[in-house]
């Protein structure tokens, strides 16, 4: 597969995931994101600060495990 086709596939995949996440607000698929212990949410009169530390660690672990599993499957 050429590099151009790979990037076109990757872009299409990101687009489909974005559509799914945009229109799945009624689903509780990602309702946990930003509500875990360790996520910082500060509301002030003039501003809101949101720092999802724990949620991003969980997402990073899921992505790492998924990519390692795919690499393990593709190993000859």
C-alpha atoms as a PDB file:
ATOM      1  CA  UNK A   1       0.000   0.000   0.000  1.00  0.00           C
ATOM      2  CA  UNK A   2       1.427   3.357  -0.958  1.00  0.00           C
ATOM      3  CA  UNK A   3       1.821   6.136   1.565  1.00  0.00           C
ATOM      4  CA  UNK A   4      -0.840   8.266  -0.134  1.00  0.00           C
ATOM      5  CA  UNK A   5      -3.454   5.504   0.052  1.00  0.00           C
ATOM      6  CA  UNK A   6      -2.566   4.874   3.680  1.00  0.00           C
ATOM      7  CA  UNK A   7      -3.137   8.533   4.593  1.00  0.00           C
ATOM      8  CA  UNK A   8      -6.412   8.586   2.645  1.00  0.00           C
ATOM      9  CA  UNK A   9      -7.587   5.509   4.558  1.00  0.00           C
ATOM     10  CA  UNK A  10      -6.461   7.010   7.866  1.00  0.00           C
ATOM     11  CA  UNK A  11      -8.259  10.278   7.116  1.00  0.00           C
ATOM     12  CA  UNK A  12     -11.443   8.440   6.196  1.00  0.00           C
ATOM     13  CA  UNK A  13     -11.252   6.407   9.381  1.00  0.00           C
ATOM     14  CA  UNK A  14     -10.801   9.526  11.504  1.00  0.00           C
ATOM     15  CA  UNK A  15     -13.753  11.130   9.666  1.00  0.00           C
ATOM     16  CA  UNK A  16     -16.030   8.148  10.370  1.00  0.00           C
ATOM     17  CA  UNK A  17     -14.998   8.059  14.037  1.00  0.00           C
ATOM     18  CA  UNK A  18     -15.674  11.796  14.279  1.00  0.00           C
ATOM     19  CA  UNK A  19     -19.144  11.376  12.783  1.00  0.00           C
ATOM     20  CA  UNK A  20     -19.903   8.545  15.178  1.00  0.00           C
ATOM     21  CA  UNK A  21     -18.797  10.563  18.190  1.00  0.00           C
ATOM     22  CA  UNK A  22     -20.702  13.650  17.026  1.00  0.00           C
ATOM     23  CA  UNK A  23     -24.013  11.869  16.604  1.00  0.00           C
ATOM     24  CA  UNK A  24     -23.755   9.416  19.506  1.00  0.00           C
ATOM     25  CA  UNK A  25     -24.544  11.983  22.191  1.00  0.00           C
ATOM     26  CA  UNK A  26     -27.613   9.982  23.210  1.00  0.00           C
ATOM     27  CA  UNK A  27     -25.474   6.911  23.826  1.00  0.00           C
ATOM     28  CA  UNK A  28     -23.591   6.517  27.069  1.00  0.00           C
ATOM     29  CA  UNK A  29     -20.505   5.195  25.297  1.00  0.00           C
ATOM     30  CA  UNK A  30     -18.231   8.015  26.433  1.00  0.00           C
ATOM     31  CA  UNK A  31     -20.191   9.329  29.403  1.00  0.00           C
ATOM     32  CA  UNK A  32     -17.316   8.386  31.750  1.00  0.00           C
ATOM     33  CA  UNK A  33     -14.856  10.662  29.951  1.00  0.00           C
ATOM     34  CA  UNK A  34     -13.983  13.632  32.152  1.00  0.00           C
ATOM     35  CA  UNK A  35     -15.782  12.316  35.212  1.00  0.00           C
ATOM     36  CA  UNK A  36     -13.133  10.019  36.633  1.00  0.00           C
ATOM     37  CA  UNK A  37     -11.317  10.720  39.899  1.00  0.00           C
ATOM     38  CA  UNK A  38      -8.276  12.822  39.067  1.00  0.00           C
ATOM     39  CA  UNK A  39      -9.940  14.833  36.289  1.00  0.00           C
ATOM     40  CA  UNK A  40      -9.803  18.533  37.122  1.00  0.00           C
ATOM     41  CA  UNK A  41     -12.817  20.749  36.411  1.00  0.00           C
ATOM     42  CA  UNK A  42     -12.666  24.314  37.733  1.00  0.00           C
ATOM     43  CA  UNK A  43     -15.570  26.713  37.195  1.00  0.00           C
ATOM     44  CA  UNK A  44     -15.096  30.399  37.826  1.00  0.00           C
ATOM     45  CA  UNK A  45     -17.419  33.314  37.199  1.00  0.00           C
ATOM     46  CA  UNK A  46     -15.600  34.200  33.990  1.00  0.00           C
ATOM     47  CA  UNK A  47     -13.934  30.973  32.860  1.00  0.00           C
ATOM     48  CA  UNK A  48     -13.965  27.199  32.923  1.00  0.00           C
ATOM     49  CA  UNK A  49     -10.829  25.043  33.114  1.00  0.00           C
ATOM     50  CA  UNK A  50     -11.065  21.340  32.308  1.00  0.00           C
ATOM     51  CA  UNK A  51      -8.021  19.052  32.531  1.00  0.00           C
ATOM     52  CA  UNK A  52      -8.882  15.330  32.069  1.00  0.00           C
ATOM     53  CA  UNK A  53      -5.696  13.761  33.502  1.00  0.00           C
ATOM     54  CA  UNK A  54      -7.112  10.368  34.469  1.00  0.00           C
ATOM     55  CA  UNK A  55      -9.336  10.060  31.407  1.00  0.00           C
ATOM     56  CA  UNK A  56      -6.390  10.658  29.087  1.00  0.00           C
ATOM     57  CA  UNK A  57      -4.312   8.030  30.903  1.00  0.00           C
ATOM     58  CA  UNK A  58      -7.125   5.504  30.399  1.00  0.00           C
ATOM     59  CA  UNK A  59      -7.432   6.435  26.704  1.00  0.00           C
ATOM     60  CA  UNK A  60      -3.652   6.132  26.303  1.00  0.00           C
ATOM     61  CA  UNK A  61      -3.671   2.664  27.881  1.00  0.00           C
ATOM     62  CA  UNK A  62      -6.510   1.495  25.632  1.00  0.00           C
ATOM     63  CA  UNK A  63      -4.750   2.761  22.498  1.00  0.00           C
ATOM     64  CA  UNK A  64      -1.409   1.247  23.569  1.00  0.00           C
ATOM     65  CA  UNK A  65      -2.951  -2.146  24.292  1.00  0.00           C
ATOM     66  CA  UNK A  66      -4.865  -2.090  21.009  1.00  0.00           C
ATOM     67  CA  UNK A  67      -1.813  -1.210  18.924  1.00  0.00           C
ATOM     68  CA  UNK A  68       0.327  -3.815  20.689  1.00  0.00           C
ATOM     69  CA  UNK A  69      -2.345  -6.442  20.031  1.00  0.00           C
ATOM     70  CA  UNK A  70      -2.474  -5.512  16.340  1.00  0.00           C
ATOM     71  CA  UNK A  71       1.338  -5.658  16.144  1.00  0.00           C
ATOM     72  CA  UNK A  72       1.269  -9.060  17.844  1.00  0.00           C
ATOM     73  CA  UNK A  73      -1.277 -10.339  15.290  1.00  0.00           C
ATOM     74  CA  UNK A  74       0.774  -9.089  12.331  1.00  0.00           C
ATOM     75  CA  UNK A  75       4.037 -10.623  13.591  1.00  0.00           C
ATOM     76  CA  UNK A  76       5.065 -13.578  11.372  1.00  0.00           C
END
